[in-house]
Amino acid sequence: MYEEWLEKIVQYIRTNRVSTTEVADCLGKTGVIEGVYAMNSGMFQAGRIRYIYGCQESNWPIHEQARDIRPGEIVVIDGINVNKRALVGEVVTKFITLYRGAVAVVVLGNVRDANDIIKQKYPVWAQGVNPVGCFNTQVTADEETKRIVAQQKAYYDGAVGVCDDTGVVVIPRDQITEEFYGKLEFMEEQEDKWFECIDRLKWDTFDTICLKKYKEDR
């Protein structure tokens, strides 16, 4: 059932371009990845999340894990003890999106080659930029890194990500249900009703959103 509802939820969000704002509202105004911003405006993506990471100032693990990325996925790239070094640049971004088929790259840290990422309009969301990148040297994750990775994987892997100009929102695995699908449908219907009230009926937002006077007409 999880796979079935994941596919339905992703397809519904893509087809109706359900915004991160609406998805966060469906999650009780939660789910945002703090501090992550779109590198290119006008981008919109939704898909299953795959979590990968770099650590100890090395992006060797990122290169290794990127081999397993599947088409349609949103790749969340984490940086653990990287001292604000850029985790990826244009080459890795191009490989992940063009050759592995990921629909978005979400970096929990910095990227470099920002000019090329912007020029090529790659679907990248990141916390910031830094021309100084990680080293591509092989490292062994320590116990603390393993603990963090296990925790992050439990949250991100198999969840659904939604990305747009406002940021990135995560729908956790336990919310990928028929009930949440219904919340998305309700949210879209409510948004349509609100715009009808202010555009066609010329109501103010207090009557529309706070008092919900349109319910009195039923």
C-alpha atoms as a PDB file:
ATOM      1  CA  MET A   1       0.000   0.000   0.000  1.00  0.00           C
ATOM      2  CA  TYR A   2       2.893   2.347   0.750  1.00  0.00           C
ATOM      3  CA  GLU A   3       4.243   2.115  -2.806  1.00  0.00           C
ATOM      4  CA  GLU A   4       0.782   2.607  -4.269  1.00  0.00           C
ATOM      5  CA  TRP A   5       0.067   5.735  -2.241  1.00  0.00           C
ATOM      6  CA  LEU A   6       3.559   7.115  -2.771  1.00  0.00           C
ATOM      7  CA  GLU A   7       3.040   6.956  -6.517  1.00  0.00           C
ATOM      8  CA  LYS A   8      -0.439   8.482  -6.270  1.00  0.00           C
ATOM      9  CA  ILE A   9       0.716  11.309  -4.000  1.00  0.00           C
ATOM     10  CA  VAL A  10       3.726  12.166  -6.160  1.00  0.00           C
ATOM     11  CA  GLN A  11       1.618  12.091  -9.315  1.00  0.00           C
ATOM     12  CA  TYR A  12      -1.108  14.249  -7.764  1.00  0.00           C
ATOM     13  CA  ILE A  13       1.414  16.841  -6.587  1.00  0.00           C
ATOM     14  CA  ARG A  14       3.134  16.937  -9.978  1.00  0.00           C
ATOM     15  CA  THR A  15      -0.082  17.108 -11.995  1.00  0.00           C
ATOM     16  CA  ASN A  16      -1.667  19.813  -9.861  1.00  0.00           C
ATOM     17  CA  ARG A  17       1.607  21.571  -9.010  1.00  0.00           C
ATOM     18  CA  VAL A  18       0.743  21.479  -5.335  1.00  0.00           C
ATOM     19  CA  SER A  19       3.075  24.007  -3.735  1.00  0.00           C
ATOM     20  CA  THR A  20       5.365  23.497  -0.759  1.00  0.00           C
ATOM     21  CA  THR A  21       3.135  25.966   1.086  1.00  0.00           C
ATOM     22  CA  GLU A  22       0.078  23.771   0.574  1.00  0.00           C
ATOM     23  CA  VAL A  23       1.956  20.568   1.412  1.00  0.00           C
ATOM     24  CA  ALA A  24       3.306  22.107   4.626  1.00  0.00           C
ATOM     25  CA  ASP A  25      -0.253  23.117   5.546  1.00  0.00           C
ATOM     26  CA  CYS A  26      -1.390  19.528   4.973  1.00  0.00           C
ATOM     27  CA  LEU A  27       1.364  18.485   7.398  1.00  0.00           C
ATOM     28  CA  GLY A  28       0.069  20.850  10.058  1.00  0.00           C
ATOM     29  CA  LYS A  29       2.503  23.580   9.015  1.00  0.00           C
ATOM     30  CA  THR A  30       5.572  21.357   9.372  1.00  0.00           C
ATOM     31  CA  GLY A  31       7.963  19.453   7.106  1.00  0.00           C
ATOM     32  CA  VAL A  32      10.251  22.217   5.842  1.00  0.00           C
ATOM     33  CA  ILE A  33      13.984  21.641   5.428  1.00  0.00           C
ATOM     34  CA  GLU A  34      15.284  24.750   7.143  1.00  0.00           C
ATOM     35  CA  GLY A  35      17.598  27.089   5.288  1.00  0.00           C
ATOM     36  CA  VAL A  36      17.439  25.461   1.849  1.00  0.00           C
ATOM     37  CA  TYR A  37      16.751  27.727  -1.124  1.00  0.00           C
ATOM     38  CA  ALA A  38      16.247  27.286  -4.864  1.00  0.00           C
ATOM     39  CA  MET A  39      19.321  28.026  -6.987  1.00  0.00           C
ATOM     40  CA  ASN A  40      17.080  28.620 -10.007  1.00  0.00           C
ATOM     41  CA  SER A  41      13.662  30.279  -9.919  1.00  0.00           C
ATOM     42  CA  GLY A  42      10.594  28.720 -11.479  1.00  0.00           C
ATOM     43  CA  MET A  43      11.610  25.145 -10.681  1.00  0.00           C
ATOM     44  CA  PHE A  44       9.054  22.658  -9.350  1.00  0.00           C
ATOM     45  CA  GLN A  45       9.699  19.014  -8.526  1.00  0.00           C
ATOM     46  CA  ALA A  46       8.246  16.198  -6.461  1.00  0.00           C
ATOM     47  CA  GLY A  47       9.467  12.657  -5.952  1.00  0.00           C
ATOM     48  CA  ARG A  48      10.721   9.905  -3.685  1.00  0.00           C
ATOM     49  CA  ILE A  49      13.742  10.948  -1.651  1.00  0.00           C
ATOM     50  CA  ARG A  50      17.104   9.189  -1.640  1.00  0.00           C
ATOM     51  CA  TYR A  51      19.543  10.284   1.075  1.00  0.00           C
ATOM     52  CA  ILE A  52      23.298  10.303   0.445  1.00  0.00           C
ATOM     53  CA  TYR A  53      26.100  12.003   2.324  1.00  0.00           C
ATOM     54  CA  GLY A  54      29.688  13.198   2.466  1.00  0.00           C
ATOM     55  CA  CYS A  55      31.737  13.363   5.645  1.00  0.00           C
ATOM     56  CA  GLN A  56      35.064  14.424   7.151  1.00  0.00           C
ATOM     57  CA  GLU A  57      35.639  17.018   4.419  1.00  0.00           C
ATOM     58  CA  SER A  58      35.356  14.319   1.747  1.00  0.00           C
ATOM     59  CA  ASN A  59      32.774  13.838  -1.005  1.00  0.00           C
ATOM     60  CA  TRP A  60      34.127  10.388  -1.877  1.00  0.00           C
ATOM     61  CA  PRO A  61      31.029   8.766  -0.311  1.00  0.00           C
ATOM     62  CA  ILE A  62      28.804  11.019  -2.445  1.00  0.00           C
ATOM     63  CA  HIS A  63      30.451   9.842  -5.668  1.00  0.00           C
ATOM     64  CA  GLU A  64      30.118   6.234  -4.502  1.00  0.00           C
ATOM     65  CA  GLN A  65      26.471   6.470  -3.448  1.00  0.00           C
ATOM     66  CA  ALA A  66      25.457   8.480  -6.527  1.00  0.00           C
ATOM     67  CA  ARG A  67      25.832   5.298  -8.581  1.00  0.00           C
ATOM     68  CA  ASP A  68      22.621   3.931  -7.037  1.00  0.00           C
ATOM     69  CA  ILE A  69      20.370   6.914  -7.786  1.00  0.00           C
ATOM     70  CA  ARG A  70      17.259   6.003  -9.782  1.00  0.00           C
ATOM     71  CA  PRO A  71      15.240   8.069 -12.270  1.00  0.00           C
ATOM     72  CA  GLY A  72      12.556  10.262 -10.724  1.00  0.00           C
ATOM     73  CA  GLU A  73      14.180  10.515  -7.312  1.00  0.00           C
ATOM     74  CA  ILE A  74      14.937  13.638  -5.316  1.00  0.00           C
ATOM     75  CA  VAL A  75      18.466  13.324  -3.967  1.00  0.00           C
ATOM     76  CA  VAL A  76      19.143  14.829  -0.547  1.00  0.00           C
ATOM     77  CA  ILE A  77      22.891  15.302  -0.043  1.00  0.00           C
ATOM     78  CA  ASP A  78      24.073  15.754   3.524  1.00  0.00           C
ATOM     79  CA  GLY A  79      27.430  17.018   4.772  1.00  0.00           C
ATOM     80  CA  ILE A  80      28.705  15.709   8.106  1.00  0.00           C
ATOM     81  CA  ASN A  81      31.782  17.412   9.544  1.00  0.00           C
ATOM     82  CA  VAL A  82      32.714  19.041   6.237  1.00  0.00           C
ATOM     83  CA  ASN A  83      33.465  22.500   7.702  1.00  0.00           C
ATOM     84  CA  LYS A  84      31.171  24.300   5.257  1.00  0.00           C
ATOM     85  CA  ARG A  85      33.040  23.003   2.205  1.00  0.00           C
ATOM     86  CA  ALA A  86      30.916  22.643  -0.927  1.00  0.00           C
ATOM     87  CA  LEU A  87      29.583  19.108  -1.226  1.00  0.00           C
ATOM     88  CA  VAL A  88      29.067  19.106  -5.012  1.00  0.00           C
ATOM     89  CA  GLY A  89      29.484  21.305  -8.065  1.00  0.00           C
ATOM     90  CA  GLU A  90      28.448  21.219 -11.709  1.00  0.00           C
ATOM     91  CA  VAL A  91      29.980  17.838 -12.600  1.00  0.00           C
ATOM     92  CA  VAL A  92      28.237  15.871  -9.857  1.00  0.00           C
ATOM     93  CA  THR A  93      25.003  17.791 -10.353  1.00  0.00           C
ATOM     94  CA  LYS A  94      25.032  17.022 -14.068  1.00  0.00           C
ATOM     95  CA  PHE A  95      25.761  13.339 -13.449  1.00  0.00           C
ATOM     96  CA  ILE A  96      22.982  13.009 -10.874  1.00  0.00           C
ATOM     97  CA  THR A  97      20.314  14.809 -12.906  1.00  0.00           C
ATOM     98  CA  LEU A  98      21.189  14.072 -16.532  1.00  0.00           C
ATOM     99  CA  TYR A  99      22.733  10.620 -16.366  1.00  0.00           C
ATOM    100  CA  ARG A 100      21.086   9.140 -13.266  1.00  0.00           C
ATOM    101  CA  GLY A 101      17.717  10.826 -13.901  1.00  0.00           C
ATOM    102  CA  ALA A 102      17.133  12.510 -10.541  1.00  0.00           C
ATOM    103  CA  VAL A 103      14.523  15.268 -10.740  1.00  0.00           C
ATOM    104  CA  ALA A 104      16.070  17.438  -8.019  1.00  0.00           C
ATOM    105  CA  VAL A 105      19.181  17.798  -5.883  1.00  0.00           C
ATOM    106  CA  VAL A 106      18.726  19.121  -2.349  1.00  0.00           C
ATOM    107  CA  VAL A 107      21.987  19.962  -0.600  1.00  0.00           C
ATOM    108  CA  LEU A 108      22.067  20.239   3.185  1.00  0.00           C
ATOM    109  CA  GLY A 109      25.108  22.459   2.905  1.00  0.00           C
ATOM    110  CA  ASN A 110      26.981  24.417   0.255  1.00  0.00           C
ATOM    111  CA  VAL A 111      27.498  23.914  -3.471  1.00  0.00           C
ATOM    112  CA  ARG A 112      30.060  25.421  -5.826  1.00  0.00           C
ATOM    113  CA  ASP A 113      30.033  26.269  -9.540  1.00  0.00           C
ATOM    114  CA  ALA A 114      26.946  28.328  -8.783  1.00  0.00           C
ATOM    115  CA  ASN A 115      27.313  30.257 -12.034  1.00  0.00           C
ATOM    116  CA  ASP A 116      27.162  27.043 -14.074  1.00  0.00           C
ATOM    117  CA  ILE A 117      24.343  25.550 -12.011  1.00  0.00           C
ATOM    118  CA  ILE A 118      22.349  28.719 -12.643  1.00  0.00           C
ATOM    119  CA  LYS A 119      23.333  28.948 -16.315  1.00  0.00           C
ATOM    120  CA  GLN A 120      22.349  25.339 -17.023  1.00  0.00           C
ATOM    121  CA  LYS A 121      19.190  25.672 -14.900  1.00  0.00           C
ATOM    122  CA  TYR A 122      19.884  22.543 -12.893  1.00  0.00           C
ATOM    123  CA  PRO A 123      17.145  21.734 -10.332  1.00  0.00           C
ATOM    124  CA  VAL A 124      19.269  22.414  -7.254  1.00  0.00           C
ATOM    125  CA  TRP A 125      18.230  23.582  -3.797  1.00  0.00           C
ATOM    126  CA  ALA A 126      21.019  24.384  -1.324  1.00  0.00           C
ATOM    127  CA  GLN A 127      21.822  26.190   1.892  1.00  0.00           C
ATOM    128  CA  GLY A 128      24.536  28.294   0.300  1.00  0.00           C
ATOM    129  CA  VAL A 129      27.566  28.477  -1.968  1.00  0.00           C
ATOM    130  CA  ASN A 130      31.303  28.136  -1.414  1.00  0.00           C
ATOM    131  CA  PRO A 131      34.043  27.877  -4.059  1.00  0.00           C
ATOM    132  CA  VAL A 132      36.071  25.686  -1.689  1.00  0.00           C
ATOM    133  CA  GLY A 133      34.960  22.096  -2.127  1.00  0.00           C
ATOM    134  CA  CYS A 134      35.406  18.807  -0.336  1.00  0.00           C
ATOM    135  CA  PHE A 135      38.329  16.492  -1.096  1.00  0.00           C
ATOM    136  CA  ASN A 136      37.691  13.333  -3.095  1.00  0.00           C
ATOM    137  CA  THR A 137      39.684  11.163  -0.726  1.00  0.00           C
ATOM    138  CA  GLN A 138      38.468   7.864   0.672  1.00  0.00           C
ATOM    139  CA  VAL A 139      37.384   8.092   4.297  1.00  0.00           C
ATOM    140  CA  THR A 140      35.923   5.758   6.890  1.00  0.00           C
ATOM    141  CA  ALA A 141      32.883   6.988   8.765  1.00  0.00           C
ATOM    142  CA  ASP A 142      33.339   7.110  12.528  1.00  0.00           C
ATOM    143  CA  GLU A 143      30.688   5.940  14.977  1.00  0.00           C
ATOM    144  CA  GLU A 144      29.176   9.400  15.399  1.00  0.00           C
ATOM    145  CA  THR A 145      28.853   9.804  11.628  1.00  0.00           C
ATOM    146  CA  LYS A 146      27.232   6.377  11.364  1.00  0.00           C
ATOM    147  CA  ARG A 147      24.737   7.365  14.048  1.00  0.00           C
ATOM    148  CA  ILE A 148      23.835  10.588  12.235  1.00  0.00           C
ATOM    149  CA  VAL A 149      23.529   8.796   8.892  1.00  0.00           C
ATOM    150  CA  ALA A 150      21.225   6.137  10.355  1.00  0.00           C
ATOM    151  CA  GLN A 151      19.010   8.836  11.851  1.00  0.00           C
ATOM    152  CA  GLN A 152      18.904  10.862   8.638  1.00  0.00           C
ATOM    153  CA  LYS A 153      18.237   7.829   6.455  1.00  0.00           C
ATOM    154  CA  ALA A 154      15.355   6.788   8.680  1.00  0.00           C
ATOM    155  CA  TYR A 155      13.745  10.176   8.097  1.00  0.00           C
ATOM    156  CA  TYR A 156      14.577  10.909   4.461  1.00  0.00           C
ATOM    157  CA  ASP A 157      14.829   7.605   2.571  1.00  0.00           C
ATOM    158  CA  GLY A 158      11.498   6.720   1.004  1.00  0.00           C
ATOM    159  CA  ALA A 159       9.840   9.971   2.055  1.00  0.00           C
ATOM    160  CA  VAL A 160       8.424  12.342  -0.569  1.00  0.00           C
ATOM    161  CA  GLY A 161      10.090  15.660  -1.305  1.00  0.00           C
ATOM    162  CA  VAL A 162       8.411  18.705  -2.824  1.00  0.00           C
ATOM    163  CA  CYS A 163      10.601  21.542  -4.101  1.00  0.00           C
ATOM    164  CA  ASP A 164       9.727  24.988  -5.445  1.00  0.00           C
ATOM    165  CA  ASP A 165      10.740  28.634  -5.103  1.00  0.00           C
ATOM    166  CA  THR A 166       9.603  28.707  -1.480  1.00  0.00           C
ATOM    167  CA  GLY A 167      11.891  25.853  -0.427  1.00  0.00           C
ATOM    168  CA  VAL A 168      11.713  22.118   0.212  1.00  0.00           C
ATOM    169  CA  VAL A 169       9.122  20.198   2.227  1.00  0.00           C
ATOM    170  CA  VAL A 170       9.337  16.534   3.228  1.00  0.00           C
ATOM    171  CA  ILE A 171       6.319  14.252   3.539  1.00  0.00           C
ATOM    172  CA  PRO A 172       7.492  11.558   5.999  1.00  0.00           C
ATOM    173  CA  ARG A 173       6.931   7.889   5.203  1.00  0.00           C
ATOM    174  CA  ASP A 174       4.275   7.555   7.905  1.00  0.00           C
ATOM    175  CA  GLN A 175       2.228  10.267   6.155  1.00  0.00           C
ATOM    176  CA  ILE A 176       2.237   8.531   2.780  1.00  0.00           C
ATOM    177  CA  THR A 177      -1.302   7.251   3.141  1.00  0.00           C
ATOM    178  CA  GLU A 178      -4.777   7.479   1.686  1.00  0.00           C
ATOM    179  CA  GLU A 179      -5.634   9.959   4.448  1.00  0.00           C
ATOM    180  CA  PHE A 180      -2.850  12.332   3.405  1.00  0.00           C
ATOM    181  CA  TYR A 181      -3.891  12.035  -0.234  1.00  0.00           C
ATOM    182  CA  GLY A 182      -7.332  13.200   0.875  1.00  0.00           C
ATOM    183  CA  LYS A 183      -5.757  16.172   2.655  1.00  0.00           C
ATOM    184  CA  LEU A 184      -4.046  17.202  -0.572  1.00  0.00           C
ATOM    185  CA  GLU A 185      -7.341  17.021  -2.467  1.00  0.00           C
ATOM    186  CA  PHE A 186      -9.094  19.051   0.230  1.00  0.00           C
ATOM    187  CA  MET A 187      -6.322  21.661   0.211  1.00  0.00           C
ATOM    188  CA  GLU A 188      -6.603  22.137  -3.553  1.00  0.00           C
ATOM    189  CA  GLU A 189     -10.389  22.456  -3.353  1.00  0.00           C
ATOM    190  CA  GLN A 190     -10.102  24.953  -0.501  1.00  0.00           C
ATOM    191  CA  GLU A 191      -7.577  27.081  -2.403  1.00  0.00           C
ATOM    192  CA  ASP A 192      -9.915  27.134  -5.411  1.00  0.00           C
ATOM    193  CA  LYS A 193     -12.792  28.205  -3.186  1.00  0.00           C
ATOM    194  CA  TRP A 194     -10.752  30.983  -1.548  1.00  0.00           C
ATOM    195  CA  PHE A 195      -9.697  32.457  -4.860  1.00  0.00           C
ATOM    196  CA  GLU A 196     -13.265  32.267  -6.131  1.00  0.00           C
ATOM    197  CA  CYS A 197     -14.407  34.230  -3.080  1.00  0.00           C
ATOM    198  CA  ILE A 198     -11.850  37.024  -3.385  1.00  0.00           C
ATOM    199  CA  ASP A 199     -11.700  37.188  -7.200  1.00  0.00           C
ATOM    200  CA  ARG A 200     -15.297  36.612  -8.310  1.00  0.00           C
ATOM    201  CA  LEU A 201     -17.326  37.406  -5.196  1.00  0.00           C
ATOM    202  CA  LYS A 202     -14.973  40.231  -4.100  1.00  0.00           C
ATOM    203  CA  TRP A 203     -14.983  39.136  -0.477  1.00  0.00           C
ATOM    204  CA  ASP A 204     -12.181  40.185   1.828  1.00  0.00           C
ATOM    205  CA  THR A 205      -9.712  37.664   3.234  1.00  0.00           C
ATOM    206  CA  PHE A 206     -11.175  37.837   6.754  1.00  0.00           C
ATOM    207  CA  ASP A 207     -14.601  36.661   5.595  1.00  0.00           C
ATOM    208  CA  THR A 208     -13.005  34.100   3.305  1.00  0.00           C
ATOM    209  CA  ILE A 209     -10.183  32.570   5.319  1.00  0.00           C
ATOM    210  CA  CYS A 210     -11.027  33.312   8.955  1.00  0.00           C
ATOM    211  CA  LEU A 211     -14.832  33.182   9.007  1.00  0.00           C
ATOM    212  CA  LYS A 212     -15.150  30.857   6.002  1.00  0.00           C
ATOM    213  CA  LYS A 213     -18.505  32.384   5.136  1.00  0.00           C
ATOM    214  CA  TYR A 214     -18.701  30.326   1.967  1.00  0.00           C
ATOM    215  CA  LYS A 215     -19.712  27.406   4.176  1.00  0.00           C
ATOM    216  CA  GLU A 216     -22.909  29.280   5.085  1.00  0.00           C
ATOM    217  CA  ASP A 217     -24.066  29.025   1.475  1.00  0.00           C
ATOM    218  CA  ARG A 218     -24.175  25.250   1.550  1.00  0.00           C
END
